[in-house]
């Protein structure tokens, strides 16, 4: 198993645990890396993220009031606005949505 594969697996496990999801892992099919009742996550890890993206998230955080969710919306020229990406930190996501628990997810699916 490659170091990059191990790093990706650890990222998926951390993300799933933090968001109260189940890691689905590499199934050989096109599936999400982690999923729950209402949330599906694809995990990507890079050694360095683009500075402009980090700056956009930081600007949103600096501008947000205590009851506002800071997000950075990224648009690709020539694409429909509905395909824009909404970027926020995982900590902000959890703070806004509250702690997610797998037990609650399983109970809600019944």
N, C-alpha and C. Protein backbone atom coordinates (compact mmCIF):
# COMPACT_ATOMS: atom_id res chain seq x y z
N UNK A 1 0.85 -1.18 0.00
CA UNK A 1 0.00 0.00 0.00
C UNK A 1 0.89 1.24 0.00
N UNK A 2 0.59 2.22 -0.82
CA UNK A 2 1.43 3.40 -0.95
C UNK A 2 1.21 4.37 0.22
N UNK A 3 2.21 5.21 0.43
CA UNK A 3 2.11 6.24 1.48
C UNK A 3 0.95 7.17 1.17
N UNK A 4 0.79 7.52 -0.11
CA UNK A 4 -0.31 8.42 -0.50
C UNK A 4 -1.66 7.77 -0.22
N UNK A 5 -1.80 6.47 -0.48
CA UNK A 5 -3.05 5.76 -0.20
C UNK A 5 -3.33 5.75 1.30
N UNK A 6 -2.30 5.48 2.10
CA UNK A 6 -2.46 5.49 3.56
C UNK A 6 -2.89 6.87 4.05
N UNK A 7 -2.27 7.92 3.51
CA UNK A 7 -2.61 9.29 3.90
C UNK A 7 -4.07 9.59 3.55
N UNK A 8 -4.50 9.18 2.37
CA UNK A 8 -5.88 9.39 1.96
C UNK A 8 -6.86 8.64 2.85
N UNK A 9 -6.51 7.41 3.21
CA UNK A 9 -7.38 6.61 4.08
C UNK A 9 -7.51 7.27 5.45
N UNK A 10 -6.40 7.77 6.01
CA UNK A 10 -6.45 8.45 7.31
C UNK A 10 -7.32 9.71 7.22
N UNK A 11 -7.21 10.44 6.12
CA UNK A 11 -8.04 11.64 5.92
C UNK A 11 -9.52 11.26 5.89
N UNK A 12 -9.86 10.19 5.18
CA UNK A 12 -11.25 9.73 5.12
C UNK A 12 -11.76 9.32 6.50
N UNK A 13 -10.94 8.59 7.25
CA UNK A 13 -11.34 8.15 8.60
C UNK A 13 -11.55 9.33 9.53
N UNK A 14 -10.63 10.31 9.51
CA UNK A 14 -10.75 11.51 10.36
C UNK A 14 -12.02 12.28 10.01
N UNK A 15 -12.24 12.46 8.71
CA UNK A 15 -13.40 13.22 8.26
C UNK A 15 -14.70 12.53 8.65
N UNK A 16 -14.78 11.24 8.40
CA UNK A 16 -15.98 10.48 8.75
C UNK A 16 -16.25 10.56 10.25
N UNK A 17 -15.21 10.40 11.07
CA UNK A 17 -15.38 10.45 12.52
C UNK A 17 -15.83 11.84 12.97
N UNK A 18 -15.22 12.87 12.41
CA UNK A 18 -15.55 14.24 12.82
C UNK A 18 -16.98 14.62 12.46
N UNK A 19 -17.49 14.06 11.38
CA UNK A 19 -18.84 14.41 10.92
C UNK A 19 -19.88 13.36 11.29
N UNK A 20 -19.47 12.33 12.02
CA UNK A 20 -20.43 11.31 12.44
C UNK A 20 -20.92 10.47 11.29
N UNK A 21 -20.07 10.22 10.31
CA UNK A 21 -20.44 9.45 9.13
C UNK A 21 -19.77 8.09 9.15
N UNK A 22 -20.12 7.26 8.20
CA UNK A 22 -19.48 5.97 8.01
C UNK A 22 -18.53 6.07 6.83
N UNK A 23 -17.29 5.65 7.03
CA UNK A 23 -16.35 5.63 5.91
C UNK A 23 -16.68 4.44 5.04
N UNK A 24 -16.89 4.69 3.76
CA UNK A 24 -17.22 3.61 2.84
C UNK A 24 -15.97 3.01 2.22
N UNK A 25 -14.90 3.80 2.15
CA UNK A 25 -13.62 3.29 1.65
C UNK A 25 -13.66 2.98 0.17
N UNK A 26 -12.60 2.36 -0.29
CA UNK A 26 -12.46 2.02 -1.70
C UNK A 26 -13.19 0.72 -1.97
N UNK A 27 -14.32 0.82 -2.65
CA UNK A 27 -15.13 -0.36 -2.93
C UNK A 27 -14.92 -0.87 -4.36
N UNK A 28 -14.14 -0.12 -5.16
CA UNK A 28 -13.98 -0.49 -6.55
C UNK A 28 -15.09 0.07 -7.42
N UNK A 29 -16.06 0.71 -6.79
CA UNK A 29 -17.16 1.35 -7.52
C UNK A 29 -17.11 2.85 -7.24
N UNK A 30 -17.86 3.59 -8.01
CA UNK A 30 -17.92 5.05 -7.82
C UNK A 30 -18.84 5.36 -6.64
N UNK A 31 -18.28 5.35 -5.43
CA UNK A 31 -19.05 5.66 -4.23
C UNK A 31 -18.35 6.78 -3.47
N UNK A 32 -19.09 7.40 -2.57
CA UNK A 32 -18.52 8.46 -1.73
C UNK A 32 -17.51 7.85 -0.76
N UNK A 33 -16.63 8.70 -0.23
CA UNK A 33 -15.65 8.25 0.75
C UNK A 33 -16.27 8.08 2.13
N UNK A 34 -17.29 8.88 2.42
CA UNK A 34 -17.99 8.80 3.70
C UNK A 34 -19.44 9.22 3.47
N UNK A 35 -20.34 8.61 4.23
CA UNK A 35 -21.76 8.92 4.02
C UNK A 35 -22.56 8.70 5.29
N UNK A 36 -23.68 9.39 5.34
CA UNK A 36 -24.66 9.25 6.41
C UNK A 36 -26.04 9.38 5.81
N UNK A 37 -27.01 9.59 6.64
CA UNK A 37 -28.39 9.68 6.18
C UNK A 37 -28.59 10.85 5.22
N UNK A 38 -28.03 12.03 5.55
CA UNK A 38 -28.30 13.22 4.73
C UNK A 38 -27.04 13.84 4.12
N UNK A 39 -25.88 13.25 4.39
CA UNK A 39 -24.63 13.86 3.95
C UNK A 39 -23.74 12.84 3.28
N UNK A 40 -23.19 13.21 2.13
CA UNK A 40 -22.25 12.38 1.39
C UNK A 40 -20.98 13.19 1.19
N UNK A 41 -19.82 12.60 1.49
CA UNK A 41 -18.56 13.34 1.43
C UNK A 41 -17.56 12.64 0.53
N UNK A 42 -16.95 13.39 -0.35
CA UNK A 42 -15.81 12.95 -1.14
C UNK A 42 -14.60 13.66 -0.56
N UNK A 43 -13.61 12.92 -0.13
CA UNK A 43 -12.43 13.50 0.53
C UNK A 43 -11.29 13.69 -0.47
N UNK A 44 -10.71 14.85 -0.47
CA UNK A 44 -9.54 15.14 -1.30
C UNK A 44 -8.48 15.73 -0.40
N UNK A 45 -7.25 15.32 -0.59
CA UNK A 45 -6.15 15.83 0.23
C UNK A 45 -5.02 16.24 -0.69
N UNK A 46 -4.48 17.42 -0.45
CA UNK A 46 -3.36 17.93 -1.22
C UNK A 46 -2.30 18.43 -0.24
N UNK A 47 -1.06 18.33 -0.62
CA UNK A 47 0.03 18.80 0.24
C UNK A 47 -0.12 20.29 0.51
N UNK A 48 -0.49 21.07 -0.51
CA UNK A 48 -0.68 22.51 -0.37
C UNK A 48 -1.94 22.92 -1.11
N UNK A 49 -2.82 23.65 -0.44
CA UNK A 49 -4.02 24.18 -1.08
C UNK A 49 -3.70 25.54 -1.70
N UNK A 50 -4.42 25.92 -2.75
CA UNK A 50 -4.16 27.22 -3.38
C UNK A 50 -4.34 28.37 -2.38
N UNK A 51 -3.36 29.28 -2.36
CA UNK A 51 -3.41 30.40 -1.43
C UNK A 51 -4.65 31.26 -1.65
N UNK A 52 -5.08 31.43 -2.90
CA UNK A 52 -6.24 32.27 -3.17
C UNK A 52 -7.50 31.67 -2.55
N UNK A 53 -7.57 30.34 -2.51
CA UNK A 53 -8.73 29.67 -1.92
C UNK A 53 -8.72 29.85 -0.40
N UNK A 54 -7.57 29.62 0.21
CA UNK A 54 -7.44 29.82 1.65
C UNK A 54 -7.72 31.27 2.03
N UNK A 55 -7.27 32.20 1.20
CA UNK A 55 -7.50 33.62 1.45
C UNK A 55 -9.01 33.93 1.37
N UNK A 56 -9.70 33.35 0.40
CA UNK A 56 -11.14 33.56 0.27
C UNK A 56 -11.91 33.07 1.48
N UNK A 57 -11.53 31.90 2.00
CA UNK A 57 -12.17 31.36 3.20
C UNK A 57 -11.87 32.26 4.40
N UNK A 58 -10.62 32.71 4.51
CA UNK A 58 -10.24 33.59 5.61
C UNK A 58 -11.00 34.91 5.54
N UNK A 59 -11.19 35.46 4.34
CA UNK A 59 -11.96 36.70 4.19
C UNK A 59 -13.40 36.50 4.65
N UNK A 60 -14.00 35.38 4.27
CA UNK A 60 -15.37 35.11 4.69
C UNK A 60 -15.45 34.99 6.20
N UNK A 61 -14.49 34.31 6.81
CA UNK A 61 -14.49 34.17 8.27
C UNK A 61 -14.33 35.52 8.96
N UNK A 62 -13.46 36.36 8.42
CA UNK A 62 -13.23 37.68 9.02
C UNK A 62 -14.46 38.58 8.91
N UNK A 63 -15.25 38.39 7.87
CA UNK A 63 -16.42 39.23 7.63
C UNK A 63 -17.68 38.75 8.33
N UNK A 64 -17.71 37.48 8.73
CA UNK A 64 -18.92 36.88 9.30
C UNK A 64 -19.16 37.36 10.72
N UNK A 65 -20.42 37.63 11.00
CA UNK A 65 -20.83 37.95 12.37
C UNK A 65 -21.03 36.66 13.15
N UNK A 66 -21.34 36.77 14.44
CA UNK A 66 -21.46 35.58 15.28
C UNK A 66 -22.59 34.63 14.86
N UNK A 67 -23.59 35.11 14.17
CA UNK A 67 -24.69 34.24 13.75
C UNK A 67 -24.67 33.98 12.24
N UNK A 68 -23.52 34.19 11.61
CA UNK A 68 -23.42 34.00 10.16
C UNK A 68 -22.43 32.88 9.84
N UNK A 69 -22.74 32.10 8.80
CA UNK A 69 -21.89 31.01 8.35
C UNK A 69 -20.96 31.53 7.25
N UNK A 70 -19.64 31.52 7.48
CA UNK A 70 -18.72 32.01 6.46
C UNK A 70 -18.43 30.96 5.40
N UNK A 71 -18.70 31.30 4.15
CA UNK A 71 -18.40 30.42 3.03
C UNK A 71 -17.73 31.23 1.92
N UNK A 72 -16.94 30.55 1.13
CA UNK A 72 -16.32 31.14 -0.05
C UNK A 72 -16.95 30.43 -1.25
N UNK A 73 -17.55 31.18 -2.16
CA UNK A 73 -18.17 30.60 -3.35
C UNK A 73 -17.20 30.79 -4.52
N UNK A 74 -16.82 29.66 -5.15
CA UNK A 74 -15.83 29.67 -6.22
C UNK A 74 -16.53 29.38 -7.54
N UNK A 75 -16.34 30.27 -8.49
CA UNK A 75 -16.99 30.16 -9.80
C UNK A 75 -15.95 29.93 -10.89
N UNK A 76 -16.23 29.01 -11.79
CA UNK A 76 -15.38 28.79 -12.96
C UNK A 76 -16.00 29.52 -14.14
N UNK A 77 -15.23 30.44 -14.73
CA UNK A 77 -15.74 31.22 -15.85
C UNK A 77 -16.24 30.30 -16.96
N UNK A 78 -17.38 30.68 -17.53
CA UNK A 78 -17.97 29.91 -18.60
C UNK A 78 -18.89 28.80 -18.12
N UNK A 79 -18.96 28.58 -16.82
CA UNK A 79 -19.84 27.54 -16.27
C UNK A 79 -21.08 28.17 -15.66
N UNK A 80 -22.14 27.40 -15.54
CA UNK A 80 -23.36 27.88 -14.89
C UNK A 80 -23.10 28.13 -13.42
N UNK A 81 -23.71 29.16 -12.88
CA UNK A 81 -23.52 29.52 -11.47
C UNK A 81 -23.96 28.39 -10.54
N UNK A 82 -24.91 27.60 -10.94
CA UNK A 82 -25.36 26.48 -10.12
C UNK A 82 -24.29 25.42 -9.89
N UNK A 83 -23.21 25.46 -10.66
CA UNK A 83 -22.10 24.52 -10.50
C UNK A 83 -20.97 25.11 -9.64
N UNK A 84 -21.17 26.33 -9.13
CA UNK A 84 -20.16 26.95 -8.26
C UNK A 84 -19.92 26.06 -7.06
N UNK A 85 -18.74 26.17 -6.49
CA UNK A 85 -18.39 25.41 -5.30
C UNK A 85 -18.55 26.29 -4.07
N UNK A 86 -19.08 25.73 -3.00
CA UNK A 86 -19.23 26.43 -1.72
C UNK A 86 -18.20 25.81 -0.78
N UNK A 87 -17.25 26.63 -0.33
CA UNK A 87 -16.13 26.13 0.47
C UNK A 87 -16.19 26.75 1.87
N UNK A 88 -16.01 25.90 2.87
CA UNK A 88 -15.94 26.37 4.26
C UNK A 88 -15.03 25.41 5.02
N UNK A 89 -14.62 25.79 6.21
CA UNK A 89 -13.81 24.88 7.00
C UNK A 89 -14.70 23.82 7.64
N UNK A 90 -14.10 22.68 7.93
CA UNK A 90 -14.86 21.61 8.59
C UNK A 90 -15.33 22.08 9.96
N UNK A 91 -14.49 22.83 10.68
CA UNK A 91 -14.90 23.33 11.99
C UNK A 91 -16.13 24.22 11.88
N UNK A 92 -16.19 25.08 10.87
CA UNK A 92 -17.35 25.95 10.67
C UNK A 92 -18.59 25.12 10.34
N UNK A 93 -18.42 24.10 9.52
CA UNK A 93 -19.53 23.22 9.15
C UNK A 93 -20.11 22.57 10.40
N UNK A 94 -19.24 22.00 11.25
CA UNK A 94 -19.70 21.32 12.46
C UNK A 94 -20.32 22.32 13.43
N UNK A 95 -19.71 23.51 13.55
CA UNK A 95 -20.27 24.53 14.45
C UNK A 95 -21.67 24.94 14.00
N UNK A 96 -21.89 25.04 12.72
CA UNK A 96 -23.18 25.47 12.19
C UNK A 96 -24.23 24.37 12.30
N UNK A 97 -23.84 23.15 11.95
CA UNK A 97 -24.79 22.03 11.92
C UNK A 97 -24.86 21.26 13.22
N UNK A 98 -23.95 21.51 14.14
CA UNK A 98 -23.92 20.76 15.39
C UNK A 98 -23.21 19.44 15.20
N UNK A 99 -22.96 18.77 16.31
CA UNK A 99 -22.31 17.47 16.26
C UNK A 99 -23.24 16.47 15.59
N UNK A 100 -22.70 15.73 14.68
CA UNK A 100 -23.47 14.69 14.00
C UNK A 100 -23.07 13.36 14.60
N UNK A 101 -24.03 12.50 14.85
CA UNK A 101 -23.72 11.21 15.48
C UNK A 101 -24.26 10.07 14.63
N UNK A 102 -23.44 9.03 14.41
CA UNK A 102 -23.89 7.89 13.61
C UNK A 102 -25.14 7.24 14.16
N UNK A 103 -25.28 7.21 15.51
CA UNK A 103 -26.46 6.57 16.10
C UNK A 103 -27.74 7.30 15.68
N UNK A 104 -27.67 8.62 15.67
CA UNK A 104 -28.83 9.42 15.25
C UNK A 104 -29.11 9.20 13.78
N UNK A 105 -28.05 9.06 12.99
CA UNK A 105 -28.20 8.80 11.57
C UNK A 105 -28.92 7.49 11.34
N UNK A 106 -28.49 6.43 12.05
CA UNK A 106 -29.09 5.11 11.89
C UNK A 106 -30.55 5.12 12.36
N UNK A 107 -30.83 5.79 13.45
CA UNK A 107 -32.19 5.85 13.99
C UNK A 107 -33.12 6.61 13.03
N UNK A 108 -32.59 7.65 12.40
CA UNK A 108 -33.40 8.45 11.48
C UNK A 108 -33.71 7.72 10.18
N UNK A 109 -32.90 6.72 9.86
CA UNK A 109 -33.10 5.98 8.60
C UNK A 109 -34.19 4.94 8.71
N UNK A 110 -34.58 4.62 9.93
CA UNK A 110 -35.59 3.58 10.11
C UNK A 110 -36.99 4.07 9.81
